[in-house]
C-alpha atoms as a PDB file:
ATOM      1  CA  MET A   1     -42.226 233.897  60.219  1.00  0.00           C
ATOM      2  CA  PRO A   2     -40.748 235.052  63.775  1.00  0.00           C
ATOM      3  CA  SER A   3     -42.475 236.061  66.443  1.00  0.00           C
ATOM      4  CA  LEU A   4     -42.427 239.055  68.449  1.00  0.00           C
ATOM      5  CA  PHE A   5     -42.017 237.710  71.880  1.00  0.00           C
ATOM      6  CA  ARG A   6     -39.954 234.486  70.600  1.00  0.00           C
ATOM      7  CA  ARG A   7     -36.078 235.370  70.078  1.00  0.00           C
ATOM      8  CA  ALA A   8     -35.078 234.130  66.607  1.00  0.00           C
ATOM      9  CA  PRO A   9     -32.963 230.719  66.589  1.00  0.00           C
ATOM     10  CA  THR A  10     -28.831 231.876  66.291  1.00  0.00           C
ATOM     11  CA  GLN A  11     -25.657 229.722  66.305  1.00  0.00           C
ATOM     12  CA  THR A  12     -22.445 230.668  67.667  1.00  0.00           C
ATOM     13  CA  ILE A  13     -19.173 231.152  65.373  1.00  0.00           C
ATOM     14  CA  THR A  14     -16.224 231.079  65.993  1.00  0.00           C
ATOM     15  CA  GLU A  15     -13.347 232.818  64.489  1.00  0.00           C
ATOM     16  CA  ASN A  16      -9.455 233.991  64.512  1.00  0.00           C
ATOM     17  CA  VAL A  17      -9.341 237.259  63.258  1.00  0.00           C
ATOM     18  CA  ASN A  18      -5.767 238.852  63.505  1.00  0.00           C
ATOM     19  CA  GLY A  19      -4.769 236.619  65.935  1.00  0.00           C
ATOM     20  CA  VAL A  20      -7.657 237.281  68.199  1.00  0.00           C
ATOM     21  CA  THR A  21     -10.167 234.275  68.884  1.00  0.00           C
ATOM     22  CA  VAL A  22     -13.598 235.770  69.024  1.00  0.00           C
ATOM     23  CA  ASP A  23     -17.020 234.116  68.982  1.00  0.00           C
ATOM     24  CA  TYR A  24     -20.120 235.874  67.476  1.00  0.00           C
ATOM     25  CA  GLU A  25     -23.793 234.615  67.002  1.00  0.00           C
ATOM     26  CA  ILE A  26     -25.322 234.749  63.398  1.00  0.00           C
ATOM     27  CA  PRO A  27     -28.684 234.043  62.538  1.00  0.00           C
ATOM     28  CA  ASP A  28     -29.213 230.098  62.420  1.00  0.00           C
ATOM     29  CA  THR A  29     -30.601 229.355  58.688  1.00  0.00           C
ATOM     30  CA  THR A  30     -30.764 225.724  59.373  1.00  0.00           C
ATOM     31  CA  PRO A  31     -34.309 224.354  58.322  1.00  0.00           C
ATOM     32  CA  THR A  32     -36.071 223.362  61.057  1.00  0.00           C
ATOM     33  CA  PRO A  33     -38.032 219.944  61.108  1.00  0.00           C
ATOM     34  CA  PRO A  34     -41.545 220.269  60.398  1.00  0.00           C
ATOM     35  CA  ARG A  35     -43.784 219.473  63.250  1.00  0.00           C
ATOM     36  CA  LEU A  36     -45.775 216.157  63.274  1.00  0.00           C
ATOM     37  CA  PRO A  37     -49.344 216.563  63.049  1.00  0.00           C
ATOM     38  CA  PHE A  38     -51.693 216.227  65.769  1.00  0.00           C
ATOM     39  CA  ASN A  39     -52.385 212.287  66.631  1.00  0.00           C
ATOM     40  CA  LEU A  40     -55.835 211.998  67.368  1.00  0.00           C
ATOM     41  CA  ASP A  41     -55.613 208.001  67.471  1.00  0.00           C
ATOM     42  CA  ALA A  42     -53.136 208.124  70.387  1.00  0.00           C
ATOM     43  CA  THR A  43     -55.376 211.323  72.239  1.00  0.00           C
ATOM     44  CA  LEU A  44     -58.354 208.835  72.379  1.00  0.00           C
ATOM     45  CA  ARG A  45     -56.367 205.434  73.298  1.00  0.00           C
ATOM     46  CA  ARG A  46     -55.272 207.575  76.206  1.00  0.00           C
ATOM     47  CA  LEU A  47     -58.148 209.017  77.008  1.00  0.00           C
ATOM     48  CA  LEU A  48     -59.711 205.349  76.813  1.00  0.00           C
ATOM     49  CA  PHE A  49     -57.190 204.510  79.186  1.00  0.00           C
ATOM     50  CA  ALA A  50     -57.751 206.979  81.826  1.00  0.00           C
ATOM     51  CA  PHE A  51     -61.404 206.487  81.687  1.00  0.00           C
ATOM     52  CA  ALA A  52     -60.415 202.507  82.291  1.00  0.00           C
ATOM     53  CA  ILE A  53     -58.064 203.199  85.184  1.00  0.00           C
ATOM     54  CA  CYS A  54     -61.017 205.801  86.632  1.00  0.00           C
ATOM     55  CA  MET A  55     -63.879 203.021  86.421  1.00  0.00           C
ATOM     56  CA  THR A  56     -61.465 200.543  87.572  1.00  0.00           C
ATOM     57  CA  ALA A  57     -60.803 202.399  91.226  1.00  0.00           C
ATOM     58  CA  GLY A  58     -64.245 203.348  91.467  1.00  0.00           C
ATOM     59  CA  ALA A  59     -65.360 199.852  91.608  1.00  0.00           C
ATOM     60  CA  ILE A  60     -62.965 198.651  93.699  1.00  0.00           C
ATOM     61  CA  VAL A  61     -64.234 201.091  96.319  1.00  0.00           C
ATOM     62  CA  TRP A  62     -67.557 200.442  95.923  1.00  0.00           C
ATOM     63  CA  GLY A  63     -66.851 196.356  96.079  1.00  0.00           C
ATOM     64  CA  THR A  64     -64.864 196.820  99.029  1.00  0.00           C
ATOM     65  CA  VAL A  65     -67.473 198.882 100.854  1.00  0.00           C
ATOM     66  CA  ALA A  66     -69.996 196.572 100.120  1.00  0.00           C
ATOM     67  CA  ILE A  67     -67.978 193.510 101.110  1.00  0.00           C
ATOM     68  CA  GLY A  68     -66.293 194.951 103.608  1.00  0.00           C
ATOM     69  CA  GLY A  69     -69.635 195.698 105.728  1.00  0.00           C
ATOM     70  CA  MET A  70     -70.628 191.856 105.008  1.00  0.00           C
ATOM     71  CA  LEU A  71     -67.504 190.681 106.399  1.00  0.00           C
ATOM     72  CA  GLY A  72     -67.268 193.472 109.287  1.00  0.00           C
ATOM     73  CA  LEU A  73     -70.013 190.891 110.862  1.00  0.00           C
ATOM     74  CA  LEU A  74     -67.521 188.380 111.637  1.00  0.00           C
ATOM     75  CA  ALA A  75     -64.523 190.270 111.797  1.00  0.00           C
ATOM     76  CA  PRO A  76     -63.062 193.832 113.341  1.00  0.00           C
ATOM     77  CA  ALA A  77     -63.467 196.857 110.472  1.00  0.00           C
ATOM     78  CA  TRP A  78     -59.899 196.796 109.614  1.00  0.00           C
ATOM     79  CA  ALA A  79     -59.481 193.205 108.438  1.00  0.00           C
ATOM     80  CA  ALA A  80     -62.818 193.270 107.008  1.00  0.00           C
ATOM     81  CA  TYR A  81     -62.127 195.781 104.686  1.00  0.00           C
ATOM     82  CA  LEU A  82     -58.632 195.003 103.889  1.00  0.00           C
ATOM     83  CA  VAL A  83     -59.757 191.846 103.048  1.00  0.00           C
ATOM     84  CA  ALA A  84     -63.099 193.342 100.831  1.00  0.00           C
ATOM     85  CA  GLY A  85     -60.406 195.128  98.690  1.00  0.00           C
ATOM     86  CA  VAL A  86     -58.907 191.940  97.696  1.00  0.00           C
ATOM     87  CA  PHE A  87     -61.657 190.954  95.827  1.00  0.00           C
ATOM     88  CA  ASP A  88     -61.757 193.502  92.795  1.00  0.00           C
ATOM     89  CA  ALA A  89     -57.565 193.920  93.305  1.00  0.00           C
ATOM     90  CA  GLY A  90     -57.009 190.276  92.060  1.00  0.00           C
ATOM     91  CA  TRP A  91     -59.238 190.844  89.040  1.00  0.00           C
ATOM     92  CA  ALA A  92     -57.435 194.845  88.582  1.00  0.00           C
ATOM     93  CA  ALA A  93     -54.161 192.710  89.021  1.00  0.00           C
ATOM     94  CA  CYS A  94     -54.989 190.374  86.313  1.00  0.00           C
ATOM     95  CA  LEU A  95     -55.327 193.392  84.096  1.00  0.00           C
ATOM     96  CA  ILE A  96     -51.839 194.203  84.229  1.00  0.00           C
ATOM     97  CA  ALA A  97     -50.200 190.750  83.546  1.00  0.00           C
ATOM     98  CA  GLU A  98     -52.645 190.875  80.292  1.00  0.00           C
ATOM     99  CA  TRP A  99     -51.190 194.114  79.268  1.00  0.00           C
ATOM    100  CA  LEU A 100     -47.508 192.583  79.807  1.00  0.00           C
ATOM    101  CA  LEU A 101     -48.644 189.682  77.811  1.00  0.00           C
ATOM    102  CA  ARG A 102     -50.670 191.300  75.124  1.00  0.00           C
ATOM    103  CA  TYR A 103     -48.007 190.317  72.608  1.00  0.00           C
ATOM    104  CA  ASP A 104     -48.084 186.260  73.835  1.00  0.00           C
ATOM    105  CA  SER A 105     -51.694 185.511  73.104  1.00  0.00           C
ATOM    106  CA  LYS A 106     -50.875 182.024  74.652  1.00  0.00           C
ATOM    107  CA  ARG A 107     -49.771 182.886  77.894  1.00  0.00           C
ATOM    108  CA  ALA A 108     -51.917 185.736  78.116  1.00  0.00           C
ATOM    109  CA  ALA A 109     -54.674 183.157  78.143  1.00  0.00           C
ATOM    110  CA  VAL A 110     -54.314 182.628  81.408  1.00  0.00           C
ATOM    111  CA  PRO A 111     -54.975 186.049  83.133  1.00  0.00           C
ATOM    112  CA  GLN A 112     -57.746 186.428  80.959  1.00  0.00           C
ATOM    113  CA  LYS A 113     -59.327 183.245  82.416  1.00  0.00           C
ATOM    114  CA  VAL A 114     -58.267 184.062  86.286  1.00  0.00           C
ATOM    115  CA  GLY A 115     -59.599 187.718  85.856  1.00  0.00           C
ATOM    116  CA  VAL A 116     -62.629 186.779  85.015  1.00  0.00           C
ATOM    117  CA  ALA A 117     -63.460 184.041  87.550  1.00  0.00           C
ATOM    118  CA  MET A 118     -62.355 186.914  89.776  1.00  0.00           C
ATOM    119  CA  LEU A 119     -65.069 189.275  88.794  1.00  0.00           C
ATOM    120  CA  ALA A 120     -67.604 187.007  88.932  1.00  0.00           C
ATOM    121  CA  VAL A 121     -66.654 186.414  93.018  1.00  0.00           C
ATOM    122  CA  SER A 122     -66.675 189.591  93.463  1.00  0.00           C
ATOM    123  CA  MET A 123     -69.679 190.559  91.511  1.00  0.00           C
ATOM    124  CA  ALA A 124     -71.487 187.482  93.579  1.00  0.00           C
ATOM    125  CA  ALA A 125     -69.819 188.759  96.916  1.00  0.00           C
ATOM    126  CA  ILE A 126     -71.620 192.571  95.975  1.00  0.00           C
ATOM    127  CA  VAL A 127     -74.801 190.919  95.133  1.00  0.00           C
ATOM    128  CA  LEU A 128     -75.097 188.527  98.317  1.00  0.00           C
ATOM    129  CA  ASP A 129     -74.580 191.889 100.527  1.00  0.00           C
ATOM    130  CA  GLY A 130     -77.435 193.505  98.308  1.00  0.00           C
ATOM    131  CA  HIS A 131     -79.661 190.773  99.586  1.00  0.00           C
ATOM    132  CA  ARG A 132     -78.428 190.510 103.044  1.00  0.00           C
ATOM    133  CA  ASN A 133     -79.188 194.198 103.634  1.00  0.00           C
ATOM    134  CA  ASN A 134     -82.733 193.673 101.773  1.00  0.00           C
ATOM    135  CA  ALA A 135     -81.446 196.152  98.455  1.00  0.00           C
ATOM    136  CA  LEU A 136     -80.961 193.266  96.208  1.00  0.00           C
ATOM    137  CA  LEU A 137     -81.394 195.851  93.174  1.00  0.00           C
ATOM    138  CA  VAL A 138     -78.677 197.976  94.570  1.00  0.00           C
ATOM    139  CA  GLY A 139     -76.524 195.042  94.796  1.00  0.00           C
ATOM    140  CA  ILE A 140     -76.816 194.213  91.113  1.00  0.00           C
ATOM    141  CA  VAL A 141     -76.546 197.305  90.375  1.00  0.00           C
ATOM    142  CA  GLY A 142     -73.099 197.879  92.180  1.00  0.00           C
ATOM    143  CA  ALA A 143     -72.109 194.567  90.876  1.00  0.00           C
ATOM    144  CA  LEU A 144     -72.289 195.835  87.400  1.00  0.00           C
ATOM    145  CA  VAL A 145     -69.973 198.337  88.162  1.00  0.00           C
ATOM    146  CA  SER A 146     -67.763 196.411  88.503  1.00  0.00           C
ATOM    147  CA  ALA A 147     -68.167 194.646  85.484  1.00  0.00           C
ATOM    148  CA  ALA A 148     -68.299 197.980  83.130  1.00  0.00           C
ATOM    149  CA  ALA A 149     -65.164 198.295  84.413  1.00  0.00           C
ATOM    150  CA  LYS A 150     -63.881 195.083  83.087  1.00  0.00           C
ATOM    151  CA  GLY A 151     -65.585 195.614  79.849  1.00  0.00           C
ATOM    152  CA  VAL A 152     -64.046 198.999  78.981  1.00  0.00           C
ATOM    153  CA  TRP A 153     -60.823 197.428  79.833  1.00  0.00           C
ATOM    154  CA  ALA A 154     -61.227 194.471  77.667  1.00  0.00           C
ATOM    155  CA  ILE A 155     -62.331 196.818  74.791  1.00  0.00           C
ATOM    156  CA  GLY A 156     -59.085 198.862  75.552  1.00  0.00           C
ATOM    157  CA  MET A 157     -56.730 195.526  75.210  1.00  0.00           C
ATOM    158  CA  HIS A 158     -58.900 194.667  71.717  1.00  0.00           C
ATOM    159  CA  THR A 159     -57.522 198.404  70.457  1.00  0.00           C
ATOM    160  CA  ILE A 160     -54.163 197.917  71.085  1.00  0.00           C
ATOM    161  CA  ARG A 161     -53.531 194.040  70.978  1.00  0.00           C
ATOM    162  CA  ILE A 162     -51.603 193.049  67.724  1.00  0.00           C
ATOM    163  CA  LYS A 163     -52.385 189.456  66.373  1.00  0.00           C
ATOM    164  CA  LEU A 164     -48.912 188.376  65.371  1.00  0.00           C
ATOM    165  CA  GLU A 165     -48.452 185.114  62.876  1.00  0.00           C
ATOM    166  CA  PRO A 166     -47.438 181.962  64.554  1.00  0.00           C
ATOM    167  CA  LYS A 167     -44.148 181.840  62.996  1.00  0.00           C
ATOM    168  CA  TYR A 168     -43.342 185.987  64.636  1.00  0.00           C
ATOM    169  CA  GLU A 169     -45.116 184.876  67.999  1.00  0.00           C
ATOM    170  CA  ALA A 170     -42.974 181.881  68.449  1.00  0.00           C
ATOM    171  CA  TYR A 171     -39.754 184.021  67.357  1.00  0.00           C
ATOM    172  CA  LEU A 172     -40.826 186.796  70.121  1.00  0.00           C
ATOM    173  CA  ARG A 173     -41.475 183.816  72.629  1.00  0.00           C
ATOM    174  CA  ALA A 174     -37.865 182.231  71.999  1.00  0.00           C
ATOM    175  CA  ARG A 175     -35.782 185.772  71.946  1.00  0.00           C
ATOM    176  CA  GLN A 176     -37.841 186.659  75.815  1.00  0.00           C
ATOM    177  CA  GLN A 177     -37.125 182.567  76.818  1.00  0.00           C
ATOM    178  CA  GLN A 178     -33.422 183.304  75.603  1.00  0.00           C
ATOM    179  CA  ALA A 179     -33.312 186.471  77.295  1.00  0.00           C
ATOM    180  CA  GLY A 180     -34.817 185.287  80.611  1.00  0.00           C
ATOM    181  CA  THR A 181     -32.130 182.117  80.679  1.00  0.00           C
ATOM    182  CA  GLU A 182     -29.333 185.028  80.414  1.00  0.00           C
ATOM    183  CA  GLN A 183     -30.906 186.401  83.286  1.00  0.00           C
ATOM    184  CA  ALA A 184     -31.364 183.411  85.458  1.00  0.00           C
ATOM    185  CA  LEU A 185     -27.793 182.635  84.962  1.00  0.00           C
ATOM    186  CA  ALA A 186     -26.300 185.740  85.611  1.00  0.00           C
ATOM    187  CA  LEU A 187     -28.257 186.197  88.934  1.00  0.00           C
ATOM    188  CA  GLY A 188     -27.232 182.087  90.131  1.00  0.00           C
ATOM    189  CA  GLU A 189     -23.460 183.065  89.126  1.00  0.00           C
ATOM    190  CA  ARG A 190     -24.210 185.928  91.583  1.00  0.00           C
ATOM    191  CA  ASP A 191     -25.317 184.135  94.385  1.00  0.00           C
ATOM    192  CA  ARG A 192     -22.657 181.889  94.095  1.00  0.00           C
ATOM    193  CA  MET A 193     -20.191 184.547  94.310  1.00  0.00           C
ATOM    194  CA  LEU A 194     -21.458 185.936  97.189  1.00  0.00           C
ATOM    195  CA  THR A 195     -22.077 181.945  98.653  1.00  0.00           C
ATOM    196  CA  GLU A 196     -18.313 181.492  98.085  1.00  0.00           C
ATOM    197  CA  GLU A 197     -17.372 184.942  99.534  1.00  0.00           C
ATOM    198  CA  ARG A 198     -19.171 184.608 102.722  1.00  0.00           C
ATOM    199  CA  THR A 199     -18.046 180.943 103.234  1.00  0.00           C
ATOM    200  CA  VAL A 200     -14.325 182.163 103.157  1.00  0.00           C
ATOM    201  CA  ALA A 201     -15.267 185.218 105.641  1.00  0.00           C
ATOM    202  CA  LEU A 202     -17.131 182.767 108.064  1.00  0.00           C
ATOM    203  CA  ARG A 203     -13.840 180.522 107.733  1.00  0.00           C
ATOM    204  CA  LEU A 204     -11.439 183.273 108.693  1.00  0.00           C
ATOM    205  CA  ALA A 205     -13.949 184.601 111.077  1.00  0.00           C
ATOM    206  CA  LEU A 206     -13.823 180.938 113.010  1.00  0.00           C
ATOM    207  CA  GLU A 207     -10.095 180.251 112.469  1.00  0.00           C
ATOM    208  CA  ALA A 208      -9.596 184.084 114.078  1.00  0.00           C
ATOM    209  CA  ARG A 209     -11.611 183.043 117.126  1.00  0.00           C
ATOM    210  CA  ARG A 210     -10.337 179.562 117.985  1.00  0.00           C
ATOM    211  CA  PRO A 211      -7.753 179.287 120.840  1.00  0.00           C
ATOM    212  CA  ALA A 212      -4.124 178.506 119.745  1.00  0.00           C
ATOM    213  CA  PRO A 213      -3.458 174.957 120.981  1.00  0.00           C
ATOM    214  CA  GLU A 214      -0.992 174.200 123.744  1.00  0.00           C
ATOM    215  CA  PRO A 215       1.635 171.996 122.655  1.00  0.00           C
ATOM    216  CA  THR A 216       2.167 169.273 124.810  1.00  0.00           C
ATOM    217  CA  VAL A 217       5.616 168.210 126.265  1.00  0.00           C
ATOM    218  CA  ASP A 218       6.810 165.553 123.825  1.00  0.00           C
ATOM    219  CA  GLN A 219       6.102 168.010 121.112  1.00  0.00           C
ATOM    220  CA  ILE A 220       8.771 170.479 122.951  1.00  0.00           C
ATOM    221  CA  THR A 221      11.935 169.349 121.685  1.00  0.00           C
ATOM    222  CA  GLN A 222      15.747 170.773 122.272  1.00  0.00           C
ATOM    223  CA  PRO A 223      17.394 172.682 119.722  1.00  0.00           C
ATOM    224  CA  THR A 224      20.533 171.183 118.214  1.00  0.00           C
ATOM    225  CA  GLN A 225      23.166 173.451 118.168  1.00  0.00           C
ATOM    226  CA  SER A 226      24.065 174.044 114.389  1.00  0.00           C
ATOM    227  CA  THR A 227      27.962 173.082 113.830  1.00  0.00           C
ATOM    228  CA  PRO A 228      30.090 174.615 110.903  1.00  0.00           C
ATOM    229  CA  VAL A 229      30.742 172.509 107.871  1.00  0.00           C
ATOM    230  CA  GLN A 230      34.459 172.321 106.636  1.00  0.00           C
ATOM    231  CA  GLY A 231      35.016 171.149 103.037  1.00  0.00           C
ATOM    232  CA  ALA A 232      37.842 169.409 102.325  1.00  0.00           C
ATOM    233  CA  ASP A 233      39.997 171.718 100.365  1.00  0.00           C
ATOM    234  CA  GLN A 234      39.229 174.956 102.823  1.00  0.00           C
ATOM    235  CA  PRO A 235      41.499 176.494 105.328  1.00  0.00           C
ATOM    236  CA  VAL A 236      40.820 175.753 108.479  1.00  0.00           C
ATOM    237  CA  ASN A 237      39.959 179.807 109.165  1.00  0.00           C
ATOM    238  CA  GLN A 238      37.378 179.720 106.082  1.00  0.00           C
ATOM    239  CA  VAL A 239      34.260 177.625 107.402  1.00  0.00           C
ATOM    240  CA  ASP A 240      30.802 177.395 106.040  1.00  0.00           C
ATOM    241  CA  PRO A 241      28.216 177.576 108.462  1.00  0.00           C
ATOM    242  CA  ALA A 242      25.675 174.525 107.847  1.00  0.00           C
ATOM    243  CA  PRO A 243      22.142 176.571 106.746  1.00  0.00           C
ATOM    244  CA  GLU A 244      19.964 176.130 110.038  1.00  0.00           C
ATOM    245  CA  PRO A 245      16.763 174.366 108.294  1.00  0.00           C
ATOM    246  CA  VAL A 246      13.416 175.522 108.657  1.00  0.00           C
ATOM    247  CA  MET A 247      11.426 173.485 111.241  1.00  0.00           C
ATOM    248  CA  VAL A 248       7.735 173.636 111.003  1.00  0.00           C
ATOM    249  CA  GLN A 249       7.016 170.194 111.946  1.00  0.00           C
ATOM    250  CA  ALA A 250       7.252 168.530 115.521  1.00  0.00           C
ATOM    251  CA  ALA A 251       9.757 165.959 116.554  1.00  0.00           C
ATOM    252  CA  GLY A 252       8.831 162.566 116.544  1.00  0.00           C
ATOM    253  CA  ARG A 253       5.893 163.149 114.025  1.00  0.00           C
ATOM    254  CA  ALA A 254       5.852 161.629 110.300  1.00  0.00           C
ATOM    255  CA  THR A 255       7.186 163.637 108.248  1.00  0.00           C
ATOM    256  CA  ASP A 256       4.415 162.762 104.813  1.00  0.00           C
ATOM    257  CA  ARG A 257       1.280 164.458 106.817  1.00  0.00           C
ATOM    258  CA  PRO A 258       0.385 168.475 106.326  1.00  0.00           C
ATOM    259  CA  VAL A 259       1.662 170.799 108.469  1.00  0.00           C
ATOM    260  CA  GLN A 260      -0.632 171.425 111.231  1.00  0.00           C
ATOM    261  CA  PRO A 261      -0.944 174.984 113.486  1.00  0.00           C
ATOM    262  CA  GLU A 262       0.614 173.525 116.591  1.00  0.00           C
ATOM    263  CA  ASP A 263       3.674 172.105 114.696  1.00  0.00           C
ATOM    264  CA  GLN A 264       4.305 175.994 113.426  1.00  0.00           C
ATOM    265  CA  VAL A 265       3.698 177.272 116.820  1.00  0.00           C
ATOM    266  CA  THR A 266       5.947 174.574 118.045  1.00  0.00           C
ATOM    267  CA  GLU A 267       8.641 175.707 115.381  1.00  0.00           C
ATOM    268  CA  LEU A 268       8.204 179.719 116.572  1.00  0.00           C
ATOM    269  CA  PHE A 269       8.632 178.765 120.213  1.00  0.00           C
ATOM    270  CA  ARG A 270      11.933 176.770 119.237  1.00  0.00           C
ATOM    271  CA  ARG A 271      13.039 180.084 117.882  1.00  0.00           C
ATOM    272  CA  LEU A 272      12.029 182.328 120.386  1.00  0.00           C
ATOM    273  CA  LYS A 273      13.630 179.974 123.059  1.00  0.00           C
ATOM    274  CA  LEU A 274      16.954 180.237 121.340  1.00  0.00           C
ATOM    275  CA  GLY A 275      16.653 183.902 121.669  1.00  0.00           C
ATOM    276  CA  GLU A 276      15.774 184.919 118.039  1.00  0.00           C
ATOM    277  CA  HIS A 277      13.809 188.373 117.599  1.00  0.00           C
ATOM    278  CA  ILE A 278      10.865 187.117 115.467  1.00  0.00           C
ATOM    279  CA  THR A 279       8.464 189.678 114.012  1.00  0.00           C
ATOM    280  CA  LYS A 280       5.401 189.138 112.307  1.00  0.00           C
ATOM    281  CA  LYS A 281       6.835 189.122 108.562  1.00  0.00           C
ATOM    282  CA  GLY A 282       9.412 187.135 109.491  1.00  0.00           C
ATOM    283  CA  ALA A 283       7.325 184.991 111.049  1.00  0.00           C
ATOM    284  CA  ALA A 284       5.224 184.838 107.550  1.00  0.00           C
ATOM    285  CA  GLU A 285       8.815 184.159 105.894  1.00  0.00           C
ATOM    286  CA  ILE A 286       9.622 181.337 108.260  1.00  0.00           C
ATOM    287  CA  LEU A 287       6.234 179.387 107.967  1.00  0.00           C
ATOM    288  CA  GLY A 288       5.583 180.361 104.228  1.00  0.00           C
ATOM    289  CA  VAL A 289       2.276 181.671 105.840  1.00  0.00           C
ATOM    290  CA  PRO A 290       0.245 185.226 105.479  1.00  0.00           C
ATOM    291  CA  GLU A 291       0.938 187.677 108.049  1.00  0.00           C
ATOM    292  CA  SER A 292      -2.485 187.497 109.515  1.00  0.00           C
ATOM    293  CA  THR A 293      -1.641 183.518 110.155  1.00  0.00           C
ATOM    294  CA  ALA A 294       1.687 184.159 110.905  1.00  0.00           C
ATOM    295  CA  TYR A 295       0.330 186.904 113.958  1.00  0.00           C
ATOM    296  CA  ARG A 296      -1.630 184.333 115.306  1.00  0.00           C
ATOM    297  CA  ARG A 297       1.053 181.999 115.617  1.00  0.00           C
ATOM    298  CA  LEU A 298       4.054 183.885 116.708  1.00  0.00           C
ATOM    299  CA  THR A 299       1.041 185.638 119.593  1.00  0.00           C
ATOM    300  CA  ALA A 300       0.828 181.619 120.645  1.00  0.00           C
ATOM    301  CA  ALA A 301       4.655 181.080 120.602  1.00  0.00           C
ATOM    302  CA  GLN A 302       5.170 184.003 122.883  1.00  0.00           C
ATOM    303  CA  SER A 303       2.403 183.218 124.882  1.00  0.00           C
ATOM    304  CA  LEU A 304       3.727 179.428 125.537  1.00  0.00           C
ATOM    305  CA  LEU A 305       7.007 180.949 126.339  1.00  0.00           C
ATOM    306  CA  ARG A 306       6.091 182.986 129.193  1.00  0.00           C
ATOM    307  CA  GLN A 307       4.427 180.295 130.718  1.00  0.00           C
ATOM    308  CA  TYR A 308       7.927 177.716 130.301  1.00  0.00           C
ATOM    309  CA  ASN A 309      10.151 181.101 131.824  1.00  0.00           C
END
């Protein structure tokens, strides 16, 4: 039955009436799904863990105050209380690890044992502080606060822990191992690609900072004039000029070695000395290198030409 203060659900209908599109609403007769019944178990489970969290917070505060007062005899107050909080925070952190591994009994055994050991150390320190202040009973009661918080957590973990059969536990562990391996491989590949990018950027930065080498006297050669080539069957007035070779290596050097930057500078210097107008794009086409590299070679050749003019 619809409520007086709540509008009944409606649905919008779009129709074409005599060539005009209209939208109108009609009551929504779609049956609504039934509401889920009140889940008492889930509510009580939340309440149990809320109590456990509150008790853990109280135990950490009490342990920090008690142990911090004792450590304050040998250290500043801020350092003493900061270190004192480690005692109870340690077994509380083991509770988190135990929660994450609640479906893996073998791996969850390690944080369980470590948490009990840290709890014993914390309780002993609290009792020792009570004995130091001539209040051994107060120290024992304070230590039992941490034990009670740990006990409530143990009960809560027992209510949610599902004991899997060995084959299903091994299956779940294998799937988790497979997912972890894929993630590790992906992270390793990412680190490798980032390292390669940084290496390339470092090499480019070092090459940009490296000054252009000045060619020696034997590297500066006199250019040879290109002479026309006349075929045997061609008239005298039809002569094909010989193509000008691209010289990217210095004269007098072996031709089977890799091209060096000074060879490219020498080639550009030779062309500039002949009076050619070379741009950055033209230098890149002559040397067969990127324009950024060609620009550096051309700048070095122009600087060398100014020195010899």
